[in-house]
PDB file of N, CA and C in Angstrom:
ATOM      1  N   UNK A   1     146.359 -12.006  11.673  1.00  0.00           N
ATOM      2  CA  UNK A   1     146.335 -11.549  12.991  1.00  0.00           C
ATOM      3  C   UNK A   1     146.540 -10.006  12.896  1.00  0.00           C
ATOM      4  N   UNK A   2     145.570  -9.448  13.757  1.00  0.00           N
ATOM      5  CA  UNK A   2     145.725  -7.850  13.599  1.00  0.00           C
ATOM      6  C   UNK A   2     146.952  -7.200  14.303  1.00  0.00           C
ATOM      7  N   UNK A   3     147.629  -7.957  15.222  1.00  0.00           N
ATOM      8  CA  UNK A   3     149.003  -7.555  15.767  1.00  0.00           C
ATOM      9  C   UNK A   3     150.071  -7.417  14.579  1.00  0.00           C
ATOM     10  N   UNK A   4     149.861  -8.347  13.911  1.00  0.00           N
ATOM     11  CA  UNK A   4     150.949  -8.519  12.631  1.00  0.00           C
ATOM     12  C   UNK A   4     150.715  -7.582  11.649  1.00  0.00           C
ATOM     13  N   UNK A   5     149.456  -7.142  11.429  1.00  0.00           N
ATOM     14  CA  UNK A   5     149.020  -6.151  10.471  1.00  0.00           C
ATOM     15  C   UNK A   5     149.479  -4.678  10.934  1.00  0.00           C
ATOM     16  N   UNK A   6     149.306  -4.476  12.180  1.00  0.00           N
ATOM     17  CA  UNK A   6     149.518  -3.110  12.786  1.00  0.00           C
ATOM     18  C   UNK A   6     150.893  -2.954  12.722  1.00  0.00           C
ATOM     19  N   UNK A   7     151.643  -3.915  13.119  1.00  0.00           N
ATOM     20  CA  UNK A   7     153.237  -4.017  13.291  1.00  0.00           C
ATOM     21  C   UNK A   7     153.901  -3.801  11.701  1.00  0.00           C
ATOM     22  N   UNK A   8     153.090  -4.473  10.758  1.00  0.00           N
ATOM     23  CA  UNK A   8     153.552  -4.252   9.374  1.00  0.00           C
ATOM     24  C   UNK A   8     153.332  -2.738   9.032  1.00  0.00           C
ATOM     25  N   UNK A   9     152.143  -2.337   9.300  1.00  0.00           N
ATOM     26  CA  UNK A   9     151.986  -0.841   9.110  1.00  0.00           C
ATOM     27  C   UNK A   9     152.531  -0.001   9.713  1.00  0.00           C
ATOM     28  N   UNK A  10     153.094  -0.095  10.866  1.00  0.00           N
ATOM     29  CA  UNK A  10     154.152   0.861  11.532  1.00  0.00           C
ATOM     30  C   UNK A  10     155.373   0.591  10.722  1.00  0.00           C
ATOM     31  N   UNK A  11     155.958  -0.576  10.454  1.00  0.00           N
ATOM     32  CA  UNK A  11     157.130  -0.674   9.612  1.00  0.00           C
ATOM     33  C   UNK A  11     157.132   0.138   8.294  1.00  0.00           C
ATOM     34  N   UNK A  12     155.786   0.045   7.508  1.00  0.00           N
ATOM     35  CA  UNK A  12     155.775   0.487   6.276  1.00  0.00           C
ATOM     36  C   UNK A  12     155.799   1.906   6.406  1.00  0.00           C
ATOM     37  N   UNK A  13     155.284   2.661   7.426  1.00  0.00           N
ATOM     38  CA  UNK A  13     155.169   4.073   7.454  1.00  0.00           C
ATOM     39  C   UNK A  13     156.691   4.611   7.874  1.00  0.00           C
ATOM     40  N   UNK A  14     157.253   3.868   8.962  1.00  0.00           N
ATOM     41  CA  UNK A  14     158.527   4.158   9.357  1.00  0.00           C
ATOM     42  C   UNK A  14     159.529   4.239   8.198  1.00  0.00           C
ATOM     43  N   UNK A  15     159.515   3.125   7.355  1.00  0.00           N
ATOM     44  CA  UNK A  15     160.505   3.068   6.133  1.00  0.00           C
ATOM     45  C   UNK A  15     160.012   4.329   5.119  1.00  0.00           C
ATOM     46  N   UNK A  16     158.797   4.582   4.938  1.00  0.00           N
ATOM     47  CA  UNK A  16     158.301   5.438   4.045  1.00  0.00           C
ATOM     48  C   UNK A  16     159.064   6.916   4.449  1.00  0.00           C
ATOM     49  N   UNK A  17     159.126   7.083   6.034  1.00  0.00           N
ATOM     50  CA  UNK A  17     159.495   8.406   6.576  1.00  0.00           C
ATOM     51  C   UNK A  17     161.041   8.233   6.527  1.00  0.00           C
ATOM     52  N   UNK A  18     161.694   7.271   6.207  1.00  0.00           N
ATOM     53  CA  UNK A  18     163.362   7.224   6.198  1.00  0.00           C
ATOM     54  C   UNK A  18     163.898   7.215   7.628  1.00  0.00           C
ATOM     55  N   UNK A  19     163.144   6.642   8.605  1.00  0.00           N
ATOM     56  CA  UNK A  19     163.671   6.754   9.963  1.00  0.00           C
ATOM     57  C   UNK A  19     163.949   5.243  10.396  1.00  0.00           C
ATOM     58  N   UNK A  20     164.878   5.198  11.487  1.00  0.00           N
ATOM     59  CA  UNK A  20     165.328   3.925  11.840  1.00  0.00           C
ATOM     60  C   UNK A  20     164.284   3.357  13.001  1.00  0.00           C
ATOM     61  N   UNK A  21     164.159   2.252  13.387  1.00  0.00           N
ATOM     62  CA  UNK A  21     163.327   1.659  14.369  1.00  0.00           C
ATOM     63  C   UNK A  21     163.804   2.433  15.658  1.00  0.00           C
ATOM     64  N   UNK A  22     165.093   2.570  15.875  1.00  0.00           N
ATOM     65  CA  UNK A  22     165.715   3.112  17.066  1.00  0.00           C
ATOM     66  C   UNK A  22     165.054   4.595  17.170  1.00  0.00           C
ATOM     67  N   UNK A  23     165.211   5.405  16.149  1.00  0.00           N
ATOM     68  CA  UNK A  23     164.763   6.938  16.042  1.00  0.00           C
ATOM     69  C   UNK A  23     163.169   7.072  16.315  1.00  0.00           C
ATOM     70  N   UNK A  24     162.501   6.208  15.702  1.00  0.00           N
ATOM     71  CA  UNK A  24     160.955   6.034  15.908  1.00  0.00           C
ATOM     72  C   UNK A  24     160.757   5.912  17.515  1.00  0.00           C
ATOM     73  N   UNK A  25     161.384   4.688  17.863  1.00  0.00           N
ATOM     74  CA  UNK A  25     161.368   4.444  19.424  1.00  0.00           C
ATOM     75  C   UNK A  25     161.444   5.769  20.282  1.00  0.00           C
ATOM     76  N   UNK A  26     162.897   6.407  19.953  1.00  0.00           N
ATOM     77  CA  UNK A  26     163.072   7.464  20.917  1.00  0.00           C
ATOM     78  C   UNK A  26     161.967   8.673  20.730  1.00  0.00           C
ATOM     79  N   UNK A  27     161.398   8.878  19.450  1.00  0.00           N
ATOM     80  CA  UNK A  27     160.346   9.905  19.054  1.00  0.00           C
ATOM     81  C   UNK A  27     158.990   9.565  19.865  1.00  0.00           C
ATOM     82  N   UNK A  28     158.970   8.185  19.982  1.00  0.00           N
ATOM     83  CA  UNK A  28     157.652   7.825  20.769  1.00  0.00           C
ATOM     84  C   UNK A  28     157.930   7.792  22.130  1.00  0.00           C
ATOM     85  N   UNK A  29     158.871   7.892  22.544  1.00  0.00           N
ATOM     86  CA  UNK A  29     159.460   7.586  24.011  1.00  0.00           C
ATOM     87  C   UNK A  29     159.070   6.095  24.424  1.00  0.00           C
ATOM     88  N   UNK A  30     159.590   5.288  23.708  1.00  0.00           N
ATOM     89  CA  UNK A  30     159.282   3.862  23.774  1.00  0.00           C
ATOM     90  C   UNK A  30     160.767   3.183  23.582  1.00  0.00           C
ATOM     91  N   UNK A  31     160.824   1.907  24.318  1.00  0.00           N
ATOM     92  CA  UNK A  31     162.227   1.325  24.021  1.00  0.00           C
ATOM     93  C   UNK A  31     162.237   0.584  22.749  1.00  0.00           C
ATOM     94  N   UNK A  32     163.416   0.528  22.217  1.00  0.00           N
ATOM     95  CA  UNK A  32     163.696   0.019  20.919  1.00  0.00           C
ATOM     96  C   UNK A  32     163.055  -1.579  20.687  1.00  0.00           C
ATOM     97  N   UNK A  33     163.500  -2.203  21.821  1.00  0.00           N
ATOM     98  CA  UNK A  33     163.270  -3.657  21.660  1.00  0.00           C
ATOM     99  C   UNK A  33     161.708  -3.843  21.727  1.00  0.00           C
ATOM    100  N   UNK A  34     160.977  -2.867  22.441  1.00  0.00           N
ATOM    101  CA  UNK A  34     159.590  -2.957  22.329  1.00  0.00           C
ATOM    102  C   UNK A  34     159.064  -2.729  20.822  1.00  0.00           C
ATOM    103  N   UNK A  35     159.621  -1.544  20.421  1.00  0.00           N
ATOM    104  CA  UNK A  35     159.320  -1.338  18.864  1.00  0.00           C
ATOM    105  C   UNK A  35     159.350  -2.615  17.993  1.00  0.00           C
ATOM    106  N   UNK A  36     160.727  -3.144  18.293  1.00  0.00           N
ATOM    107  CA  UNK A  36     161.010  -4.484  17.451  1.00  0.00           C
ATOM    108  C   UNK A  36     159.831  -5.510  17.503  1.00  0.00           C
ATOM    109  N   UNK A  37     159.372  -5.628  18.777  1.00  0.00           N
ATOM    110  CA  UNK A  37     158.385  -6.667  19.039  1.00  0.00           C
ATOM    111  C   UNK A  37     156.925  -6.354  18.393  1.00  0.00           C
ATOM    112  N   UNK A  38     156.840  -5.026  18.495  1.00  0.00           N
ATOM    113  CA  UNK A  38     155.528  -4.509  17.976  1.00  0.00           C
ATOM    114  C   UNK A  38     155.531  -4.628  16.448  1.00  0.00           C
ATOM    115  N   UNK A  39     156.538  -4.288  15.867  1.00  0.00           N
ATOM    116  CA  UNK A  39     156.672  -4.500  14.318  1.00  0.00           C
ATOM    117  C   UNK A  39     156.717  -5.715  13.937  1.00  0.00           C
ATOM    118  N   UNK A  40     157.283  -6.791  14.664  1.00  0.00           N
ATOM    119  CA  UNK A  40     157.110  -8.164  14.324  1.00  0.00           C
ATOM    120  C   UNK A  40     155.891  -8.836  14.804  1.00  0.00           C
ATOM    121  N   UNK A  41     154.827  -8.110  15.223  1.00  0.00           N
ATOM    122  CA  UNK A  41     153.599  -8.562  15.639  1.00  0.00           C
ATOM    123  C   UNK A  41     153.529  -9.659  16.862  1.00  0.00           C
ATOM    124  N   UNK A  42     154.637  -9.367  17.779  1.00  0.00           N
ATOM    125  CA  UNK A  42     154.688 -10.357  18.802  1.00  0.00           C
ATOM    126  C   UNK A  42     154.152  -9.480  20.172  1.00  0.00           C
ATOM    127  N   UNK A  43     153.666  -8.305  19.999  1.00  0.00           N
ATOM    128  CA  UNK A  43     153.165  -7.603  21.025  1.00  0.00           C
ATOM    129  C   UNK A  43     151.881  -7.097  20.981  1.00  0.00           C
ATOM    130  N   UNK A  44     151.085  -7.225  21.996  1.00  0.00           N
ATOM    131  CA  UNK A  44     149.776  -6.725  22.026  1.00  0.00           C
ATOM    132  C   UNK A  44     149.702  -5.211  22.365  1.00  0.00           C
ATOM    133  N   UNK A  45     149.966  -4.419  21.464  1.00  0.00           N
ATOM    134  CA  UNK A  45     150.212  -2.821  21.691  1.00  0.00           C
ATOM    135  C   UNK A  45     148.895  -2.203  22.249  1.00  0.00           C
ATOM    136  N   UNK A  46     149.161  -1.423  23.367  1.00  0.00           N
ATOM    137  CA  UNK A  46     148.091  -0.624  23.992  1.00  0.00           C
ATOM    138  C   UNK A  46     147.630   0.589  23.126  1.00  0.00           C
ATOM    139  N   UNK A  47     146.647   1.058  23.315  1.00  0.00           N
ATOM    140  CA  UNK A  47     146.184   2.130  22.597  1.00  0.00           C
ATOM    141  C   UNK A  47     146.907   3.445  22.806  1.00  0.00           C
ATOM    142  N   UNK A  48     147.550   3.396  23.944  1.00  0.00           N
ATOM    143  CA  UNK A  48     148.204   4.713  24.502  1.00  0.00           C
ATOM    144  C   UNK A  48     149.611   4.575  23.657  1.00  0.00           C
ATOM    145  N   UNK A  49     150.059   3.456  23.588  1.00  0.00           N
ATOM    146  CA  UNK A  49     151.523   3.292  22.973  1.00  0.00           C
ATOM    147  C   UNK A  49     151.254   3.406  21.372  1.00  0.00           C
ATOM    148  N   UNK A  50     150.101   2.900  20.811  1.00  0.00           N
ATOM    149  CA  UNK A  50     149.824   3.061  19.539  1.00  0.00           C
ATOM    150  C   UNK A  50     149.544   4.553  19.188  1.00  0.00           C
ATOM    151  N   UNK A  51     149.142   5.396  20.011  1.00  0.00           N
ATOM    152  CA  UNK A  51     149.149   6.866  19.853  1.00  0.00           C
ATOM    153  C   UNK A  51     150.231   7.548  19.805  1.00  0.00           C
ATOM    154  N   UNK A  52     151.231   7.182  20.773  1.00  0.00           N
ATOM    155  CA  UNK A  52     152.568   7.748  20.712  1.00  0.00           C
ATOM    156  C   UNK A  52     153.285   7.428  19.373  1.00  0.00           C
ATOM    157  N   UNK A  53     153.106   5.975  18.844  1.00  0.00           N
ATOM    158  CA  UNK A  53     153.846   5.814  17.702  1.00  0.00           C
ATOM    159  C   UNK A  53     153.219   6.571  16.443  1.00  0.00           C
ATOM    160  N   UNK A  54     151.873   6.472  16.337  1.00  0.00           N
ATOM    161  CA  UNK A  54     151.275   7.383  15.326  1.00  0.00           C
ATOM    162  C   UNK A  54     151.761   8.616  15.244  1.00  0.00           C
ATOM    163  N   UNK A  55     151.850   9.377  16.400  1.00  0.00           N
ATOM    164  CA  UNK A  55     152.177  10.665  16.390  1.00  0.00           C
ATOM    165  C   UNK A  55     153.760  10.978  16.052  1.00  0.00           C
ATOM    166  N   UNK A  56     154.499  10.015  16.568  1.00  0.00           N
ATOM    167  CA  UNK A  56     155.903   9.982  16.059  1.00  0.00           C
ATOM    168  C   UNK A  56     156.129   9.781  14.780  1.00  0.00           C
ATOM    169  N   UNK A  57     155.123   9.295  14.097  1.00  0.00           N
ATOM    170  CA  UNK A  57     155.344   8.917  12.586  1.00  0.00           C
ATOM    171  C   UNK A  57     154.743  10.032  11.881  1.00  0.00           C
ATOM    172  N   UNK A  58     154.156  11.150  12.711  1.00  0.00           N
ATOM    173  CA  UNK A  58     153.671  12.037  12.192  1.00  0.00           C
ATOM    174  C   UNK A  58     152.333  11.984  11.025  1.00  0.00           C
ATOM    175  N   UNK A  59     151.642  11.116  11.305  1.00  0.00           N
ATOM    176  CA  UNK A  59     150.310  10.774  10.482  1.00  0.00           C
ATOM    177  C   UNK A  59     149.152  10.834  11.456  1.00  0.00           C
ATOM    178  N   UNK A  60     147.849  10.981  10.938  1.00  0.00           N
ATOM    179  CA  UNK A  60     146.826  10.940  11.777  1.00  0.00           C
ATOM    180  C   UNK A  60     146.202   9.347  11.703  1.00  0.00           C
ATOM    181  N   UNK A  61     145.427   9.161  12.553  1.00  0.00           N
ATOM    182  CA  UNK A  61     144.884   7.857  12.646  1.00  0.00           C
ATOM    183  C   UNK A  61     144.116   7.304  11.513  1.00  0.00           C
ATOM    184  N   UNK A  62     143.430   8.061  10.735  1.00  0.00           N
ATOM    185  CA  UNK A  62     142.823   7.798   9.473  1.00  0.00           C
ATOM    186  C   UNK A  62     143.856   7.386   8.473  1.00  0.00           C
ATOM    187  N   UNK A  63     145.118   7.948   8.302  1.00  0.00           N
ATOM    188  CA  UNK A  63     146.046   7.531   7.386  1.00  0.00           C
ATOM    189  C   UNK A  63     146.461   6.272   7.891  1.00  0.00           C
ATOM    190  N   UNK A  64     146.880   6.093   9.140  1.00  0.00           N
ATOM    191  CA  UNK A  64     147.503   4.761   9.721  1.00  0.00           C
ATOM    192  C   UNK A  64     146.585   3.527   9.403  1.00  0.00           C
ATOM    193  N   UNK A  65     145.200   3.714   9.861  1.00  0.00           N
ATOM    194  CA  UNK A  65     144.563   2.593   9.542  1.00  0.00           C
ATOM    195  C   UNK A  65     143.883   2.484   8.060  1.00  0.00           C
ATOM    196  N   UNK A  66     144.547   3.010   7.240  1.00  0.00           N
ATOM    197  CA  UNK A  66     144.437   2.919   5.939  1.00  0.00           C
ATOM    198  C   UNK A  66     144.717   1.721   5.243  1.00  0.00           C
ATOM    199  N   UNK A  67     144.520   0.418   5.711  1.00  0.00           N
ATOM    200  CA  UNK A  67     144.805  -0.660   5.216  1.00  0.00           C
ATOM    201  C   UNK A  67     143.810  -1.820   5.298  1.00  0.00           C
ATOM    202  N   UNK A  68     143.993  -2.789   4.715  1.00  0.00           N
ATOM    203  CA  UNK A  68     142.950  -4.031   4.784  1.00  0.00           C
ATOM    204  C   UNK A  68     143.233  -4.936   5.751  1.00  0.00           C
ATOM    205  N   UNK A  69     142.419  -5.224   6.560  1.00  0.00           N
ATOM    206  CA  UNK A  69     142.494  -6.277   7.733  1.00  0.00           C
ATOM    207  C   UNK A  69     142.345  -7.656   7.131  1.00  0.00           C
TER     208      UNK A  69
END
């Protein structure tokens, strides 16, 4: 399921950056519980929120989407 793959990718990049879920949520101006549900693939994330997360991870969309579906 694409939601799970996107959530896994967010978690992977967040861990590579060495930041907590809470810090990523703060940097993206999102709630920590929202971030948890996104990473766990339980949330259908909007494009606007995905953009916030990608920017907070300091990667571009090409890097973010560099995974197999």
